[in-house]
Protein backbone atom coordinates (compact mmCIF):
# COMPACT_ATOMS: atom_id res chain seq x y z
CA MET A 1 71.23 60.03 171.57
CA ASP A 2 74.55 61.63 171.93
CA LEU A 3 75.09 63.70 168.79
CA THR A 4 78.82 64.14 169.50
CA GLN A 5 79.42 60.36 169.33
CA GLY A 6 80.46 58.57 166.09
CA THR A 7 83.04 59.11 163.37
CA GLN A 8 83.32 62.56 161.62
CA GLN A 9 81.59 61.19 158.62
CA GLU A 10 78.63 60.03 160.83
CA LYS A 11 78.39 63.49 162.53
CA THR A 12 78.54 65.28 159.14
CA ALA A 13 75.73 63.10 157.86
CA ARG A 14 73.53 63.75 160.92
CA SER A 15 74.16 67.40 160.63
CA LYS A 16 73.33 67.60 156.96
CA LYS A 17 70.09 65.45 157.48
CA MET A 18 69.04 67.73 160.44
CA MET A 19 69.54 70.86 158.27
CA LEU A 20 67.44 69.32 155.60
CA TRP A 21 64.65 68.64 158.01
CA PHE A 22 64.89 72.25 159.51
CA GLY A 23 64.51 73.45 155.78
CA ILE A 24 61.65 71.18 155.13
CA GLY A 25 59.91 72.31 158.38
CA SER A 26 60.32 75.96 157.33
CA LEU A 27 58.67 75.12 153.97
CA ILE A 28 55.71 73.40 155.61
CA MET A 29 55.12 76.49 157.67
CA SER A 30 55.23 78.60 154.44
CA PHE A 31 52.69 76.50 152.76
CA ALA A 32 50.62 76.26 155.90
CA GLY A 33 50.54 80.09 155.82
CA LEU A 34 49.23 80.16 152.23
CA ILE A 35 46.59 77.51 153.08
CA SER A 36 45.50 79.62 156.14
CA ALA A 37 45.31 82.78 153.96
CA PHE A 38 43.28 80.80 151.35
CA ILE A 39 40.79 79.80 154.14
CA VAL A 40 40.59 83.19 155.78
CA SER A 41 40.00 84.88 152.34
CA SER A 42 37.20 82.37 151.47
CA LYS A 43 35.33 83.31 154.64
CA GLN A 44 35.83 87.01 154.18
CA ARG A 45 35.00 87.23 150.60
CA LEU A 46 32.52 84.45 150.33
CA ASN A 47 29.64 86.75 149.30
CA GLU A 48 31.77 89.02 147.12
CA ASP A 49 34.21 87.57 144.59
CA TRP A 50 35.09 84.21 146.04
CA LEU A 51 34.40 81.24 143.59
CA VAL A 52 32.62 78.33 145.40
CA ASP A 53 32.34 76.20 142.42
CA TYR A 54 35.84 76.39 141.08
CA GLU A 55 37.24 73.46 139.03
CA LEU A 56 40.79 72.31 139.25
CA PRO A 57 42.32 71.53 135.73
CA ASN A 58 42.56 67.93 134.77
CA ALA A 59 46.22 68.37 134.24
CA PHE A 60 46.58 68.99 138.01
CA LEU A 61 45.28 65.44 138.56
CA ILE A 62 47.73 64.01 135.93
CA SER A 63 50.56 66.03 137.49
CA LEU A 64 49.68 64.34 140.82
CA ILE A 65 49.91 60.87 139.38
CA LEU A 66 53.30 61.86 137.70
CA ILE A 67 54.90 63.12 140.76
CA LEU A 68 53.68 60.12 142.97
CA LEU A 69 55.10 57.83 140.25
CA SER A 70 58.40 59.79 140.50
CA SER A 71 58.67 59.10 144.21
CA LEU A 72 58.27 55.32 143.53
CA THR A 73 61.00 55.36 140.85
CA PHE A 74 63.32 57.33 143.29
CA ILE A 75 62.72 54.51 145.79
CA LEU A 76 63.47 51.85 143.27
CA GLY A 77 66.72 53.72 142.44
CA LYS A 78 67.75 53.79 146.10
CA GLN A 79 67.06 50.00 146.43
CA ALA A 80 69.14 49.45 143.37
CA LEU A 81 72.03 51.48 144.85
CA LYS A 82 71.86 49.44 148.01
CA GLN A 83 72.53 46.46 145.78
CA ASN A 84 75.24 48.23 143.92
CA ASN A 85 73.35 47.76 140.61
CA ARG A 86 74.56 50.82 138.77
CA LYS A 87 72.67 50.22 135.61
CA MET A 88 69.33 50.06 137.35
CA VAL A 89 70.24 53.06 139.43
CA THR A 90 70.95 55.08 136.12
CA PHE A 91 67.57 53.76 134.72
CA TRP A 92 65.42 54.73 137.70
CA LEU A 93 67.16 58.19 138.23
CA LEU A 94 66.51 59.02 134.61
CA VAL A 95 62.95 57.94 134.72
CA THR A 96 62.50 60.06 137.89
CA LEU A 97 63.99 63.06 136.03
CA GLY A 98 61.74 62.50 133.08
CA LEU A 99 58.58 62.17 135.40
CA GLY A 100 59.68 65.44 137.20
CA VAL A 101 59.94 67.38 133.91
CA ALA A 102 56.58 66.02 132.83
CA PHE A 103 55.10 67.09 136.20
CA VAL A 104 56.37 70.80 135.56
CA TYR A 105 54.97 70.68 131.96
CA SER A 106 51.66 69.35 133.00
CA GLN A 107 51.42 72.06 135.58
CA PHE A 108 51.77 74.67 132.81
CA VAL A 109 49.19 72.77 130.75
CA GLY A 110 46.98 73.29 133.85
CA PHE A 111 47.54 76.89 133.94
CA GLY A 112 46.48 77.02 130.26
CA GLU A 113 43.26 75.28 131.22
CA ILE A 114 42.62 77.91 133.93
CA ILE A 115 43.18 80.67 131.27
CA ARG A 116 40.80 79.04 128.92
CA THR A 117 38.08 79.05 131.54
CA GLY A 118 38.55 82.83 131.65
CA TYR A 119 40.74 83.39 134.59
CA ASN A 120 44.14 84.95 134.52
CA PHE A 121 46.52 85.62 137.36
CA THR A 122 45.93 89.33 137.36
CA GLY A 123 43.91 91.93 135.57
CA PRO A 124 40.23 92.38 134.81
CA THR A 125 39.78 88.56 134.15
CA SER A 126 41.43 87.49 137.40
CA ASN A 127 39.73 86.13 140.38
CA ILE A 128 41.13 85.96 144.05
CA THR A 129 40.24 82.12 144.25
CA MET A 130 42.09 81.39 141.08
CA SER A 131 44.99 83.74 141.92
CA TYR A 132 45.57 81.78 145.08
CA ILE A 133 45.71 78.59 143.19
CA TYR A 134 48.13 80.12 140.70
CA VAL A 135 50.47 81.23 143.62
CA ILE A 136 50.28 77.93 145.43
CA ALA A 137 50.96 75.96 142.29
CA VAL A 138 53.78 78.23 141.03
CA LEU A 139 55.52 78.22 144.51
CA HIS A 140 55.30 74.41 144.41
CA ILE A 141 56.78 74.29 140.93
CA ALA A 142 59.69 76.45 142.16
CA HIS A 143 60.40 73.69 144.74
CA VAL A 144 59.97 70.94 142.21
CA ILE A 145 62.52 72.70 140.07
CA ALA A 146 64.92 72.85 143.14
CA GLY A 147 64.28 69.11 143.47
CA LEU A 148 65.06 68.60 139.75
CA ILE A 149 68.38 70.45 140.15
CA CYS A 150 69.13 68.17 143.21
CA LEU A 151 68.28 65.19 141.08
CA ILE A 152 70.44 66.36 138.26
CA VAL A 153 73.46 66.71 140.76
CA VAL A 154 72.62 63.20 142.02
CA ILE A 155 72.79 61.89 138.38
CA TYR A 156 76.02 63.63 137.71
CA ASN A 157 77.62 62.32 140.90
CA HIS A 158 76.28 58.86 140.07
CA PHE A 159 78.03 58.87 136.71
CA LYS A 160 81.09 59.99 138.62
CA GLN A 161 80.78 56.91 140.72
CA LYS A 162 80.39 58.93 144.03
CA TYR A 163 77.63 56.85 145.43
CA ASN A 164 77.56 53.18 146.43
CA SER A 165 75.82 50.97 149.12
CA ASN A 166 78.13 52.25 151.88
CA ASN A 167 78.13 56.04 150.69
CA MET A 168 74.57 57.18 150.07
CA LEU A 169 74.30 60.52 151.84
CA GLY A 170 73.79 62.94 148.85
CA PHE A 171 71.52 60.46 147.25
CA GLU A 172 69.44 60.24 150.49
CA LEU A 173 69.22 63.89 151.05
CA ALA A 174 68.00 64.55 147.49
CA ALA A 175 65.47 61.58 147.70
CA ASN A 176 64.07 62.83 151.03
CA PHE A 177 63.66 66.30 149.47
CA TRP A 178 61.96 64.92 146.45
CA HIS A 179 59.62 62.73 148.52
CA PHE A 180 58.61 65.92 150.55
CA VAL A 181 57.73 67.97 147.44
CA ASP A 182 55.78 64.96 146.15
CA MET A 183 53.78 64.59 149.35
CA LEU A 184 53.41 68.43 149.56
CA TRP A 185 51.61 68.41 146.15
CA LEU A 186 49.34 65.48 147.29
CA VAL A 187 48.37 67.58 150.28
CA LEU A 188 47.88 70.78 148.30
CA PHE A 189 45.90 69.00 145.63
CA LEU A 190 43.64 67.28 147.98
CA PHE A 191 43.01 70.51 150.02
CA LEU A 192 42.26 72.56 146.97
CA TYR A 193 40.00 69.85 145.49
CA PHE A 194 37.85 69.11 148.63
CA PHE A 195 37.82 72.72 150.14
CA ARG A 196 35.19 73.78 147.66
CA TYR A 197 32.77 71.31 149.06
CA ILE A 198 33.12 72.51 152.69
CA ILE A 199 32.84 76.27 152.38
C-alpha cells in the first residue's frame, strides 16, 4: 500500500494510527520486560523469599470484569456513533468512564487486601513477590488513567459535536488505546494468577 496516496485527511489519519501502534508496541515491550523480571526473580529467589502460594486479591478479579465491560461499552458507543445516535454515544461513553473509574477504585481496594494480608510495598513487611505485583498493577493503573484522560477528551469533543459517522479519528484512537489497556490487564491478571501453579 502506498502511504503517500489519498487525501491529506487520510494521510494524517494513517500517521496518527501508526504513531499509536508504535506507542502500544513500546508499552508491550515494557510490560514484557516486567514479566520477564518477575519470572527470573522467581527462579533466582525460589528457596529464599519468593512466595509460591501468593493469593491475588478478589478485587483484582472484580477489576478485570469491570475493565472488560468497559471495552464492550466503548464498542457500543462506537456503533452508536456510526449510526449518528448522539444520545446513545453519550450514554455509552459515560458508562465507560464510570467503569474505568470503578476499575481504578477496585485496584486500590485490592492493594488494601494485600496490605491486610501483611505485605506492604516496601519495609520490613514487604516481600519481593508482592512488590512486583504492586509495581505491575500500579504501572497498569497509570496507563488506565491515561486512557481515562483520553476518554474525557473524547466526551468533551463529543459534546462539542466534533465526531460523526464520517469523522471518527479521535474517537477510534482513544478506543484502540482503551482496548489495549483492557487486554493488557487481562493478560497480566491471567499471568499472575496462573504463574504460581507452574513455578
